[in-house]
Amino acid sequence: MSCPRIRSVHLNRWERPSRATVWTKYGMVKVVWKDVAGERCWFSSGTGDAKQEAVPAIEHIEEMCMTMH
């Protein structure tokens, strides 16, 4: 099993992720972070298998941004 690759990450002015692109062996997953009812949530587009494989990379992006502060 190949691991997903983070292709790009865009940060907002508060240095939080706003969007990202992750490549998996099943295809590309685009991720968008939004504030929903005061909570920071992410939403993704892509096939079901690609989204499932991209979750560790998405969590890694969030961890990297948390350690920047």
C-alpha atoms as a PDB file:
ATOM      1  CA  MET A   1       0.000   0.000   0.000  1.00  0.00           C
ATOM      2  CA  SER A   2       1.459   3.342  -1.017  1.00  0.00           C
ATOM      3  CA  CYS A   3       1.050   6.226   1.325  1.00  0.00           C
ATOM      4  CA  PRO A   4      -0.879   9.342   0.328  1.00  0.00           C
ATOM      5  CA  ARG A   5       1.123  12.381  -0.797  1.00  0.00           C
ATOM      6  CA  ILE A   6       0.335  15.923   0.200  1.00  0.00           C
ATOM      7  CA  ARG A   7       0.546  17.919  -3.012  1.00  0.00           C
ATOM      8  CA  SER A   8      -0.390  21.394  -1.792  1.00  0.00           C
ATOM      9  CA  VAL A   9      -1.557  23.192   1.338  1.00  0.00           C
ATOM     10  CA  HIS A  10      -2.936  26.736   1.419  1.00  0.00           C
ATOM     11  CA  LEU A  11      -3.079  28.590   4.725  1.00  0.00           C
ATOM     12  CA  ASN A  12      -5.344  31.480   5.651  1.00  0.00           C
ATOM     13  CA  ARG A  13      -4.108  34.665   7.310  1.00  0.00           C
ATOM     14  CA  TRP A  14      -4.282  33.002  10.756  1.00  0.00           C
ATOM     15  CA  GLU A  15      -1.955  30.245   9.498  1.00  0.00           C
ATOM     16  CA  ARG A  16      -4.687  27.615   9.589  1.00  0.00           C
ATOM     17  CA  PRO A  17      -5.228  25.277   6.646  1.00  0.00           C
ATOM     18  CA  SER A  18      -7.898  26.552   4.264  1.00  0.00           C
ATOM     19  CA  ARG A  19      -7.510  24.022   1.435  1.00  0.00           C
ATOM     20  CA  ALA A  20      -5.250  21.190   0.372  1.00  0.00           C
ATOM     21  CA  THR A  21      -4.758  18.589  -2.335  1.00  0.00           C
ATOM     22  CA  VAL A  22      -3.752  15.015  -1.483  1.00  0.00           C
ATOM     23  CA  TRP A  23      -2.837  12.331  -4.051  1.00  0.00           C
ATOM     24  CA  THR A  24      -3.574   8.690  -3.265  1.00  0.00           C
ATOM     25  CA  LYS A  25      -3.278   5.551  -5.375  1.00  0.00           C
ATOM     26  CA  TYR A  26      -7.041   5.842  -5.962  1.00  0.00           C
ATOM     27  CA  GLY A  27      -6.942   9.440  -7.188  1.00  0.00           C
ATOM     28  CA  MET A  28      -6.881  13.052  -6.062  1.00  0.00           C
ATOM     29  CA  VAL A  29      -8.689  14.347  -2.958  1.00  0.00           C
ATOM     30  CA  LYS A  30      -9.389  18.048  -2.495  1.00  0.00           C
ATOM     31  CA  VAL A  31      -9.878  19.203   1.091  1.00  0.00           C
ATOM     32  CA  VAL A  32     -11.464  22.425   2.363  1.00  0.00           C
ATOM     33  CA  TRP A  33     -11.530  23.571   6.006  1.00  0.00           C
ATOM     34  CA  LYS A  34     -14.457  25.670   7.254  1.00  0.00           C
ATOM     35  CA  ASP A  35     -15.797  26.997  10.536  1.00  0.00           C
ATOM     36  CA  VAL A  36     -19.075  25.232  11.331  1.00  0.00           C
ATOM     37  CA  ALA A  37     -20.897  26.386  14.462  1.00  0.00           C
ATOM     38  CA  GLY A  38     -17.611  27.613  15.956  1.00  0.00           C
ATOM     39  CA  GLU A  39     -15.741  24.363  15.235  1.00  0.00           C
ATOM     40  CA  ARG A  40     -13.054  23.895  12.578  1.00  0.00           C
ATOM     41  CA  CYS A  41     -14.143  21.074  10.218  1.00  0.00           C
ATOM     42  CA  TRP A  42     -12.764  19.691   6.964  1.00  0.00           C
ATOM     43  CA  PHE A  43     -14.683  18.492   3.932  1.00  0.00           C
ATOM     44  CA  SER A  44     -13.268  16.444   1.065  1.00  0.00           C
ATOM     45  CA  SER A  45     -14.122  15.577  -2.511  1.00  0.00           C
ATOM     46  CA  GLY A  46     -13.026  12.475  -4.380  1.00  0.00           C
ATOM     47  CA  THR A  47     -13.890   8.791  -4.568  1.00  0.00           C
ATOM     48  CA  GLY A  48     -14.696   6.883  -1.386  1.00  0.00           C
ATOM     49  CA  ASP A  49     -11.488   4.824  -1.461  1.00  0.00           C
ATOM     50  CA  ALA A  50      -9.339   7.885  -2.148  1.00  0.00           C
ATOM     51  CA  LYS A  51     -10.959   9.845   0.692  1.00  0.00           C
ATOM     52  CA  GLN A  52     -10.469   6.967   3.121  1.00  0.00           C
ATOM     53  CA  GLU A  53      -6.788   6.655   2.217  1.00  0.00           C
ATOM     54  CA  ALA A  54      -6.241  10.437   2.476  1.00  0.00           C
ATOM     55  CA  VAL A  55      -7.404  10.733   6.112  1.00  0.00           C
ATOM     56  CA  PRO A  56      -3.916  10.178   7.674  1.00  0.00           C
ATOM     57  CA  ALA A  57      -2.429  12.875   5.410  1.00  0.00           C
ATOM     58  CA  ILE A  58      -5.239  15.301   6.294  1.00  0.00           C
ATOM     59  CA  GLU A  59      -4.669  14.665  10.003  1.00  0.00           C
ATOM     60  CA  HIS A  60      -0.948  15.233   9.439  1.00  0.00           C
ATOM     61  CA  ILE A  61      -1.656  18.621   7.854  1.00  0.00           C
ATOM     62  CA  GLU A  62      -3.706  19.629  10.907  1.00  0.00           C
ATOM     63  CA  GLU A  63      -0.939  18.471  13.284  1.00  0.00           C
ATOM     64  CA  MET A  64       1.713  20.404  11.350  1.00  0.00           C
ATOM     65  CA  CYS A  65      -0.339  23.594  11.516  1.00  0.00           C
ATOM     66  CA  MET A  66      -0.995  23.164  15.233  1.00  0.00           C
ATOM     67  CA  THR A  67       2.752  22.900  15.956  1.00  0.00           C
ATOM     68  CA  MET A  68       3.429  26.148  14.033  1.00  0.00           C
ATOM     69  CA  HIS A  69       1.866  28.153  16.879  1.00  0.00           C
END
